[in-house]
C-alpha atoms as a PDB file:
ATOM      1  CA  UNK A   1     -30.603   0.429  65.987  1.00  0.00           C
ATOM      2  CA  UNK A   2     -28.893  -2.396  67.848  1.00  0.00           C
ATOM      3  CA  UNK A   3     -25.310  -2.987  68.941  1.00  0.00           C
ATOM      4  CA  UNK A   4     -24.266  -6.484  69.962  1.00  0.00           C
ATOM      5  CA  UNK A   5     -21.792  -7.334  72.720  1.00  0.00           C
ATOM      6  CA  UNK A   6     -20.142 -10.710  73.286  1.00  0.00           C
ATOM      7  CA  UNK A   7     -19.015 -11.416  76.848  1.00  0.00           C
ATOM      8  CA  UNK A   8     -15.539 -12.927  77.191  1.00  0.00           C
ATOM      9  CA  UNK A   9     -14.728 -15.255  80.112  1.00  0.00           C
ATOM     10  CA  UNK A  10     -12.646 -12.674  82.001  1.00  0.00           C
ATOM     11  CA  UNK A  11     -15.558 -10.176  81.984  1.00  0.00           C
ATOM     12  CA  UNK A  12     -16.857 -12.124  84.969  1.00  0.00           C
ATOM     13  CA  UNK A  13     -19.933 -10.494  86.452  1.00  0.00           C
ATOM     14  CA  UNK A  14     -19.399  -7.142  84.707  1.00  0.00           C
ATOM     15  CA  UNK A  15     -22.507  -5.920  82.920  1.00  0.00           C
ATOM     16  CA  UNK A  16     -22.326  -5.203  79.201  1.00  0.00           C
ATOM     17  CA  UNK A  17     -21.599  -1.567  78.361  1.00  0.00           C
ATOM     18  CA  UNK A  18     -24.696   0.430  79.190  1.00  0.00           C
ATOM     19  CA  UNK A  19     -26.145   3.908  79.453  1.00  0.00           C
ATOM     20  CA  UNK A  20     -26.245   4.983  83.104  1.00  0.00           C
ATOM     21  CA  UNK A  21     -28.960   7.601  82.582  1.00  0.00           C
ATOM     22  CA  UNK A  22     -31.854   8.003  80.177  1.00  0.00           C
ATOM     23  CA  UNK A  23     -30.192  10.855  78.241  1.00  0.00           C
ATOM     24  CA  UNK A  24     -26.565   9.691  78.389  1.00  0.00           C
ATOM     25  CA  UNK A  25     -24.574   9.990  75.163  1.00  0.00           C
ATOM     26  CA  UNK A  26     -22.031   7.366  76.187  1.00  0.00           C
ATOM     27  CA  UNK A  27     -22.215   3.845  77.538  1.00  0.00           C
ATOM     28  CA  UNK A  28     -19.978   3.184  80.516  1.00  0.00           C
ATOM     29  CA  UNK A  29     -17.429   0.434  80.014  1.00  0.00           C
ATOM     30  CA  UNK A  30     -15.709  -1.414  82.825  1.00  0.00           C
ATOM     31  CA  UNK A  31     -12.326  -2.965  83.470  1.00  0.00           C
ATOM     32  CA  UNK A  32     -12.158  -6.763  83.220  1.00  0.00           C
ATOM     33  CA  UNK A  33      -9.149  -7.655  85.347  1.00  0.00           C
ATOM     34  CA  UNK A  34      -7.797 -10.778  87.024  1.00  0.00           C
ATOM     35  CA  UNK A  35      -5.852  -8.530  89.398  1.00  0.00           C
ATOM     36  CA  UNK A  36      -5.779  -4.822  90.221  1.00  0.00           C
ATOM     37  CA  UNK A  37      -3.731  -2.505  88.000  1.00  0.00           C
ATOM     38  CA  UNK A  38      -1.972   0.451  89.631  1.00  0.00           C
ATOM     39  CA  UNK A  39      -0.845   3.328  87.457  1.00  0.00           C
ATOM     40  CA  UNK A  40       1.948   5.517  88.764  1.00  0.00           C
ATOM     41  CA  UNK A  41       1.864   9.198  87.758  1.00  0.00           C
ATOM     42  CA  UNK A  42       2.683   9.428  84.050  1.00  0.00           C
ATOM     43  CA  UNK A  43       2.186   5.688  83.502  1.00  0.00           C
ATOM     44  CA  UNK A  44      -0.147   4.184  80.902  1.00  0.00           C
ATOM     45  CA  UNK A  45      -1.572   0.674  80.537  1.00  0.00           C
ATOM     46  CA  UNK A  46      -3.833  -1.187  78.158  1.00  0.00           C
ATOM     47  CA  UNK A  47      -6.896  -2.268  80.153  1.00  0.00           C
ATOM     48  CA  UNK A  48      -9.198  -5.032  78.851  1.00  0.00           C
ATOM     49  CA  UNK A  49     -12.993  -4.691  79.058  1.00  0.00           C
ATOM     50  CA  UNK A  50     -14.000  -8.329  78.579  1.00  0.00           C
ATOM     51  CA  UNK A  51     -16.268  -7.590  75.609  1.00  0.00           C
ATOM     52  CA  UNK A  52     -16.220  -7.779  71.853  1.00  0.00           C
ATOM     53  CA  UNK A  53     -18.847  -5.954  69.838  1.00  0.00           C
ATOM     54  CA  UNK A  54     -20.509  -5.736  66.454  1.00  0.00           C
ATOM     55  CA  UNK A  55     -21.501  -2.296  65.237  1.00  0.00           C
ATOM     56  CA  UNK A  56     -23.849  -1.742  62.310  1.00  0.00           C
ATOM     57  CA  UNK A  57     -22.183  -0.769  59.033  1.00  0.00           C
ATOM     58  CA  UNK A  58     -21.956   3.004  58.717  1.00  0.00           C
ATOM     59  CA  UNK A  59     -21.236   3.474  62.438  1.00  0.00           C
ATOM     60  CA  UNK A  60     -18.205   3.872  64.643  1.00  0.00           C
ATOM     61  CA  UNK A  61     -17.726   3.741  68.391  1.00  0.00           C
ATOM     62  CA  UNK A  62     -15.519   6.288  70.111  1.00  0.00           C
ATOM     63  CA  UNK A  63     -13.846   5.422  73.411  1.00  0.00           C
ATOM     64  CA  UNK A  64     -13.713   8.562  75.538  1.00  0.00           C
ATOM     65  CA  UNK A  65     -12.486   9.487  79.024  1.00  0.00           C
ATOM     66  CA  UNK A  66     -14.860   9.761  81.964  1.00  0.00           C
ATOM     67  CA  UNK A  67     -14.995  13.307  83.331  1.00  0.00           C
ATOM     68  CA  UNK A  68     -15.195  12.225  86.975  1.00  0.00           C
ATOM     69  CA  UNK A  69     -11.953  10.236  86.748  1.00  0.00           C
ATOM     70  CA  UNK A  70     -10.274  13.142  84.977  1.00  0.00           C
ATOM     71  CA  UNK A  71     -11.197  15.843  87.501  1.00  0.00           C
ATOM     72  CA  UNK A  72     -10.845  13.747  90.666  1.00  0.00           C
ATOM     73  CA  UNK A  73      -7.739  11.708  89.829  1.00  0.00           C
ATOM     74  CA  UNK A  74      -6.176  12.993  86.574  1.00  0.00           C
ATOM     75  CA  UNK A  75      -7.071   9.729  84.815  1.00  0.00           C
ATOM     76  CA  UNK A  76      -7.606   9.969  81.064  1.00  0.00           C
ATOM     77  CA  UNK A  77      -7.212   7.978  77.865  1.00  0.00           C
ATOM     78  CA  UNK A  78      -4.501   8.193  75.262  1.00  0.00           C
ATOM     79  CA  UNK A  79      -5.600   8.477  71.627  1.00  0.00           C
ATOM     80  CA  UNK A  80      -8.908   9.879  72.891  1.00  0.00           C
ATOM     81  CA  UNK A  81     -11.236   9.508  71.319  1.00  0.00           C
ATOM     82  CA  UNK A  82     -10.180   6.051  70.224  1.00  0.00           C
ATOM     83  CA  UNK A  83     -12.093   4.832  67.189  1.00  0.00           C
ATOM     84  CA  UNK A  84     -13.564   1.349  66.900  1.00  0.00           C
ATOM     85  CA  UNK A  85     -14.555   0.530  63.326  1.00  0.00           C
ATOM     86  CA  UNK A  86     -17.692  -1.430  62.442  1.00  0.00           C
ATOM     87  CA  UNK A  87     -15.648  -4.342  61.101  1.00  0.00           C
ATOM     88  CA  UNK A  88     -13.461  -4.786  64.234  1.00  0.00           C
ATOM     89  CA  UNK A  89     -14.306  -7.917  66.232  1.00  0.00           C
ATOM     90  CA  UNK A  90     -11.501  -8.066  68.784  1.00  0.00           C
ATOM     91  CA  UNK A  91     -11.803  -7.292  72.472  1.00  0.00           C
ATOM     92  CA  UNK A  92     -12.387  -3.646  73.309  1.00  0.00           C
ATOM     93  CA  UNK A  93      -9.373  -2.405  75.277  1.00  0.00           C
ATOM     94  CA  UNK A  94      -8.690   1.027  76.688  1.00  0.00           C
ATOM     95  CA  UNK A  95      -5.338   2.852  76.927  1.00  0.00           C
ATOM     96  CA  UNK A  96      -5.538   4.495  80.347  1.00  0.00           C
ATOM     97  CA  UNK A  97      -3.004   7.106  81.534  1.00  0.00           C
ATOM     98  CA  UNK A  98      -2.467   8.669  84.939  1.00  0.00           C
ATOM     99  CA  UNK A  99      -1.918  12.420  84.572  1.00  0.00           C
ATOM    100  CA  UNK A 100      -2.440  12.824  88.313  1.00  0.00           C
ATOM    101  CA  UNK A 101       0.078  13.268  91.091  1.00  0.00           C
ATOM    102  CA  UNK A 102      -0.727  10.057  92.988  1.00  0.00           C
ATOM    103  CA  UNK A 103      -0.810   6.379  91.978  1.00  0.00           C
ATOM    104  CA  UNK A 104      -4.274   5.241  90.883  1.00  0.00           C
ATOM    105  CA  UNK A 105      -5.579   1.685  91.148  1.00  0.00           C
ATOM    106  CA  UNK A 106      -8.073   0.206  88.705  1.00  0.00           C
ATOM    107  CA  UNK A 107     -10.060  -2.782  89.956  1.00  0.00           C
ATOM    108  CA  UNK A 108     -12.221  -5.327  88.177  1.00  0.00           C
ATOM    109  CA  UNK A 109     -15.600  -3.741  87.444  1.00  0.00           C
ATOM    110  CA  UNK A 110     -14.431  -0.120  87.697  1.00  0.00           C
ATOM    111  CA  UNK A 111     -15.992   2.166  85.085  1.00  0.00           C
ATOM    112  CA  UNK A 112     -12.943   3.321  83.136  1.00  0.00           C
ATOM    113  CA  UNK A 113     -14.273   4.931  79.954  1.00  0.00           C
ATOM    114  CA  UNK A 114     -17.362   5.634  77.915  1.00  0.00           C
ATOM    115  CA  UNK A 115     -18.375   4.436  74.489  1.00  0.00           C
ATOM    116  CA  UNK A 116     -20.170   6.842  72.129  1.00  0.00           C
ATOM    117  CA  UNK A 117     -21.632   5.410  68.925  1.00  0.00           C
ATOM    118  CA  UNK A 118     -22.201   7.625  65.910  1.00  0.00           C
ATOM    119  CA  UNK A 119     -22.870   7.390  62.198  1.00  0.00           C
ATOM    120  CA  UNK A 120     -20.023   8.015  59.790  1.00  0.00           C
ATOM    121  CA  UNK A 121     -19.766   9.150  56.196  1.00  0.00           C
ATOM    122  CA  UNK A 122     -17.013   7.697  54.052  1.00  0.00           C
ATOM    123  CA  UNK A 123     -15.766  10.316  51.617  1.00  0.00           C
ATOM    124  CA  UNK A 124     -14.132   9.688  48.236  1.00  0.00           C
ATOM    125  CA  UNK A 125     -10.600  11.149  48.408  1.00  0.00           C
ATOM    126  CA  UNK A 126      -9.704  13.231  45.360  1.00  0.00           C
ATOM    127  CA  UNK A 127      -6.400  14.912  44.681  1.00  0.00           C
ATOM    128  CA  UNK A 128      -6.576  18.545  43.516  1.00  0.00           C
ATOM    129  CA  UNK A 129      -4.015  21.028  42.255  1.00  0.00           C
ATOM    130  CA  UNK A 130      -5.849  23.949  43.859  1.00  0.00           C
ATOM    131  CA  UNK A 131      -8.408  24.245  46.656  1.00  0.00           C
ATOM    132  CA  UNK A 132     -11.324  26.641  46.917  1.00  0.00           C
ATOM    133  CA  UNK A 133     -10.347  29.846  48.728  1.00  0.00           C
ATOM    134  CA  UNK A 134     -11.996  30.773  52.051  1.00  0.00           C
ATOM    135  CA  UNK A 135     -11.958  33.891  54.209  1.00  0.00           C
ATOM    136  CA  UNK A 136      -9.932  32.048  56.854  1.00  0.00           C
ATOM    137  CA  UNK A 137      -7.435  30.624  54.404  1.00  0.00           C
ATOM    138  CA  UNK A 138      -4.483  28.891  56.050  1.00  0.00           C
ATOM    139  CA  UNK A 139      -4.990  30.493  59.450  1.00  0.00           C
ATOM    140  CA  UNK A 140      -5.081  27.968  62.278  1.00  0.00           C
ATOM    141  CA  UNK A 141      -4.028  27.407  65.868  1.00  0.00           C
ATOM    142  CA  UNK A 142      -5.902  30.344  67.353  1.00  0.00           C
ATOM    143  CA  UNK A 143      -5.873  32.544  64.263  1.00  0.00           C
ATOM    144  CA  UNK A 144      -9.584  33.351  64.521  1.00  0.00           C
ATOM    145  CA  UNK A 145      -8.986  35.140  67.845  1.00  0.00           C
ATOM    146  CA  UNK A 146     -11.804  33.297  69.577  1.00  0.00           C
END
């Protein structure tokens, strides 16, 4: 199955999103910046990637944080995972937040997130007056004790 990426002028020499190892689940995506962006602790910014994409119908792309940025610098993504629908054709942008204790600078070409593509199933919503009972019932938020 193919996914198509369109390079925008500000992508510069950034490669298209790509898998960095043969068994990687996510494609690394990079910042496409005219100038560095520094995030103070607690600050968030929308970071462009310089690419648009076309997913096959029946698929979605999820934008997820990179574990190395999270553990080393406290850098993560808001609304993670962010969902990109198959019919979206705008530029992929990433909402980056600094949960760390020090300012963090993002430069053009830095790998800022990963993109995981998966199949989706669209369900047919139906309203019901009663739902099937289960052993768990309404228990949530740690109610299973596990």
